[in-house]
């Protein structure tokens, strides 16, 4: 299954991504890497290497829509806040 996890670079999101990958799903992490959570703004070292990472803001409707449609996403876990 193709799954998008918004906020997937956060604490809860990253653990969800790990479990989804473990269960053999294709996962895309969609996260803006907000400075409040990711102080240095760098991609976290702990992100699952088997998941694709898209750095983008959930409020950017066109980017989100494009990501969903181009990747034929079937399920979205919305953890971005």
N, C-alpha and C. Protein backbone atom coordinates (compact mmCIF):
# COMPACT_ATOMS: atom_id res chain seq x y z
N UNK A 1 0.84 -1.17 0.00
CA UNK A 1 0.00 0.00 0.00
C UNK A 1 0.89 1.24 0.00
N UNK A 2 0.48 2.29 -0.69
CA UNK A 2 1.22 3.55 -0.74
C UNK A 2 0.64 4.51 0.30
N UNK A 3 1.50 4.92 1.23
CA UNK A 3 1.05 5.69 2.38
C UNK A 3 1.84 6.98 2.51
N UNK A 4 1.14 8.06 2.80
CA UNK A 4 1.74 9.37 3.07
C UNK A 4 1.57 9.66 4.56
N UNK A 5 2.68 10.05 5.22
CA UNK A 5 2.62 10.41 6.63
C UNK A 5 3.03 11.87 6.75
N UNK A 6 2.05 12.75 7.00
CA UNK A 6 2.37 14.15 7.23
C UNK A 6 2.91 14.27 8.65
N UNK A 7 3.94 15.08 8.82
CA UNK A 7 4.57 15.16 10.13
C UNK A 7 5.38 13.92 10.45
N UNK A 8 5.78 13.21 9.42
CA UNK A 8 6.47 11.93 9.57
C UNK A 8 7.89 12.02 10.09
N UNK A 9 8.43 13.23 10.21
CA UNK A 9 9.78 13.40 10.77
C UNK A 9 9.73 13.71 12.25
N UNK A 10 8.54 13.83 12.81
CA UNK A 10 8.39 14.10 14.24
C UNK A 10 8.52 12.83 15.06
N UNK A 11 8.39 12.96 16.37
CA UNK A 11 8.57 11.83 17.29
C UNK A 11 7.61 10.69 16.99
N UNK A 12 6.32 10.97 17.03
CA UNK A 12 5.32 9.93 16.79
C UNK A 12 5.34 9.50 15.32
N UNK A 13 5.42 10.48 14.42
CA UNK A 13 5.42 10.18 13.00
C UNK A 13 6.54 9.26 12.57
N UNK A 14 7.74 9.48 13.11
CA UNK A 14 8.88 8.65 12.71
C UNK A 14 8.71 7.20 13.16
N UNK A 15 8.11 7.00 14.33
CA UNK A 15 7.85 5.63 14.79
C UNK A 15 6.77 4.96 13.94
N UNK A 16 5.76 5.73 13.55
CA UNK A 16 4.73 5.20 12.66
C UNK A 16 5.34 4.79 11.33
N UNK A 17 6.18 5.65 10.77
CA UNK A 17 6.85 5.35 9.50
C UNK A 17 7.65 4.05 9.63
N UNK A 18 8.41 3.91 10.69
CA UNK A 18 9.20 2.68 10.89
C UNK A 18 8.31 1.44 10.88
N UNK A 19 7.17 1.51 11.55
CA UNK A 19 6.28 0.35 11.60
C UNK A 19 5.64 0.08 10.24
N UNK A 20 5.26 1.12 9.53
CA UNK A 20 4.66 0.93 8.20
C UNK A 20 5.67 0.32 7.23
N UNK A 21 6.91 0.78 7.29
CA UNK A 21 7.96 0.22 6.44
C UNK A 21 8.21 -1.24 6.82
N UNK A 22 8.23 -1.51 8.11
CA UNK A 22 8.42 -2.89 8.58
C UNK A 22 7.34 -3.81 8.03
N UNK A 23 6.15 -3.26 7.86
CA UNK A 23 5.03 -4.04 7.33
C UNK A 23 4.99 -4.03 5.79
N UNK A 24 6.07 -3.56 5.19
CA UNK A 24 6.28 -3.63 3.73
C UNK A 24 5.44 -2.65 2.92
N UNK A 25 5.03 -1.54 3.52
CA UNK A 25 4.31 -0.52 2.78
C UNK A 25 5.30 0.45 2.15
N UNK A 26 4.89 1.09 1.06
CA UNK A 26 5.67 2.17 0.46
C UNK A 26 5.25 3.45 1.17
N UNK A 27 6.22 4.12 1.80
CA UNK A 27 5.89 5.27 2.65
C UNK A 27 6.59 6.53 2.17
N UNK A 28 5.83 7.62 2.18
CA UNK A 28 6.38 8.94 1.91
C UNK A 28 6.19 9.78 3.17
N UNK A 29 7.29 10.33 3.66
CA UNK A 29 7.27 11.25 4.79
C UNK A 29 7.12 12.65 4.22
N UNK A 30 6.15 13.40 4.72
CA UNK A 30 5.87 14.76 4.25
C UNK A 30 5.98 15.67 5.46
N UNK A 31 7.06 16.46 5.53
CA UNK A 31 7.31 17.26 6.72
C UNK A 31 8.03 18.54 6.34
N UNK A 32 7.71 19.64 7.01
CA UNK A 32 8.33 20.94 6.74
C UNK A 32 9.63 21.13 7.53
N UNK A 33 9.86 20.29 8.53
CA UNK A 33 11.01 20.41 9.43
C UNK A 33 11.01 21.78 10.13
N UNK A 34 9.90 22.08 10.76
CA UNK A 34 9.72 23.34 11.48
C UNK A 34 10.81 23.51 12.54
N UNK A 35 11.34 24.70 12.65
CA UNK A 35 12.44 25.00 13.58
C UNK A 35 12.05 24.77 15.04
N UNK A 36 10.76 24.86 15.36
CA UNK A 36 10.33 24.62 16.74
C UNK A 36 10.61 23.18 17.17
N UNK A 37 10.52 22.26 16.24
CA UNK A 37 10.76 20.84 16.53
C UNK A 37 12.15 20.42 16.06
N UNK A 38 12.52 20.84 14.87
CA UNK A 38 13.81 20.48 14.25
C UNK A 38 14.68 21.73 14.25
N UNK A 39 15.34 21.98 15.35
CA UNK A 39 16.05 23.23 15.61
C UNK A 39 17.02 23.61 14.50
N UNK A 40 17.77 22.65 14.00
CA UNK A 40 18.77 22.96 12.96
C UNK A 40 18.18 22.97 11.56
N UNK A 41 16.93 22.53 11.41
CA UNK A 41 16.29 22.51 10.10
C UNK A 41 16.82 21.44 9.16
N UNK A 42 17.69 20.58 9.67
CA UNK A 42 18.27 19.51 8.86
C UNK A 42 17.39 18.26 8.90
N UNK A 43 17.50 17.46 7.85
CA UNK A 43 16.78 16.19 7.82
C UNK A 43 17.30 15.31 8.96
N UNK A 44 16.43 14.83 9.84
CA UNK A 44 16.87 14.03 10.98
C UNK A 44 17.56 12.73 10.56
N UNK A 45 18.60 12.38 11.28
CA UNK A 45 19.37 11.16 10.99
C UNK A 45 18.53 9.90 11.19
N UNK A 46 17.51 9.96 12.02
CA UNK A 46 16.74 8.77 12.38
C UNK A 46 15.64 8.42 11.38
N UNK A 47 15.44 9.24 10.35
CA UNK A 47 14.39 8.91 9.38
C UNK A 47 14.69 7.59 8.69
N UNK A 48 13.67 6.81 8.51
CA UNK A 48 13.81 5.51 7.88
C UNK A 48 14.30 5.67 6.44
N UNK A 49 15.40 5.04 6.13
CA UNK A 49 16.02 5.16 4.81
C UNK A 49 15.20 4.50 3.71
N UNK A 50 14.26 3.66 4.09
CA UNK A 50 13.41 2.98 3.09
C UNK A 50 12.17 3.79 2.74
N UNK A 51 12.00 4.92 3.41
CA UNK A 51 10.87 5.81 3.11
C UNK A 51 11.39 7.00 2.32
N UNK A 52 10.56 7.50 1.44
CA UNK A 52 10.90 8.71 0.68
C UNK A 52 10.59 9.92 1.56
N UNK A 53 11.40 10.96 1.45
CA UNK A 53 11.18 12.16 2.24
C UNK A 53 10.90 13.35 1.34
N UNK A 54 9.80 14.05 1.63
CA UNK A 54 9.45 15.28 0.91
C UNK A 54 9.41 16.40 1.94
N UNK A 55 10.28 17.39 1.78
CA UNK A 55 10.26 18.53 2.69
C UNK A 55 9.34 19.59 2.10
N UNK A 56 8.18 19.75 2.73
CA UNK A 56 7.19 20.70 2.24
C UNK A 56 6.21 21.03 3.36
N UNK A 57 5.57 22.16 3.22
CA UNK A 57 4.60 22.64 4.20
C UNK A 57 3.22 22.07 3.89
N UNK A 58 2.55 21.56 4.89
CA UNK A 58 1.22 20.98 4.73
C UNK A 58 0.22 22.02 4.21
N UNK A 59 0.52 23.29 4.42
CA UNK A 59 -0.37 24.37 3.97
C UNK A 59 -0.21 24.69 2.49
N UNK A 60 0.81 24.10 1.85
CA UNK A 60 1.02 24.29 0.41
C UNK A 60 0.15 23.27 -0.33
N UNK A 61 -1.08 23.67 -0.59
CA UNK A 61 -2.07 22.76 -1.17
C UNK A 61 -1.61 22.14 -2.49
N UNK A 62 -1.04 22.94 -3.36
CA UNK A 62 -0.63 22.44 -4.68
C UNK A 62 0.47 21.39 -4.56
N UNK A 63 1.45 21.61 -3.70
CA UNK A 63 2.54 20.64 -3.50
C UNK A 63 1.99 19.36 -2.89
N UNK A 64 1.11 19.49 -1.91
CA UNK A 64 0.51 18.32 -1.29
C UNK A 64 -0.31 17.52 -2.30
N UNK A 65 -1.14 18.21 -3.06
CA UNK A 65 -1.96 17.56 -4.08
C UNK A 65 -1.08 16.84 -5.11
N UNK A 66 -0.04 17.50 -5.55
CA UNK A 66 0.88 16.91 -6.53
C UNK A 66 1.54 15.65 -5.96
N UNK A 67 1.98 15.71 -4.72
CA UNK A 67 2.61 14.56 -4.08
C UNK A 67 1.65 13.38 -3.99
N UNK A 68 0.42 13.66 -3.60
CA UNK A 68 -0.59 12.60 -3.47
C UNK A 68 -0.92 11.97 -4.82
N UNK A 69 -1.15 12.80 -5.81
CA UNK A 69 -1.55 12.29 -7.12
C UNK A 69 -0.41 11.59 -7.86
N UNK A 70 0.77 12.19 -7.86
CA UNK A 70 1.90 11.59 -8.59
C UNK A 70 2.32 10.26 -7.99
N UNK A 71 2.16 10.10 -6.70
CA UNK A 71 2.58 8.87 -6.04
C UNK A 71 1.44 7.88 -5.82
N UNK A 72 0.25 8.25 -6.29
CA UNK A 72 -0.93 7.38 -6.18
C UNK A 72 -1.13 6.90 -4.74
N UNK A 73 -1.12 7.88 -3.83
CA UNK A 73 -1.26 7.60 -2.40
C UNK A 73 -2.64 7.00 -2.12
N UNK A 74 -2.65 5.94 -1.32
CA UNK A 74 -3.90 5.26 -0.97
C UNK A 74 -4.37 5.60 0.44
N UNK A 75 -3.43 5.90 1.34
CA UNK A 75 -3.75 6.18 2.73
C UNK A 75 -2.92 7.37 3.19
N UNK A 76 -3.53 8.25 3.99
CA UNK A 76 -2.80 9.38 4.57
C UNK A 76 -2.98 9.34 6.08
N UNK A 77 -1.85 9.36 6.79
CA UNK A 77 -1.84 9.56 8.23
C UNK A 77 -1.44 11.02 8.44
N UNK A 78 -2.35 11.81 8.98
CA UNK A 78 -2.11 13.24 9.14
C UNK A 78 -1.66 13.53 10.57
N UNK A 79 -0.35 13.73 10.74
CA UNK A 79 0.22 14.03 12.05
C UNK A 79 0.86 15.41 12.09
N UNK A 80 0.83 16.13 10.98
CA UNK A 80 1.38 17.49 10.95
C UNK A 80 0.50 18.39 11.81
N UNK A 81 1.14 19.29 12.52
CA UNK A 81 0.36 20.18 13.39
C UNK A 81 0.81 21.62 13.21
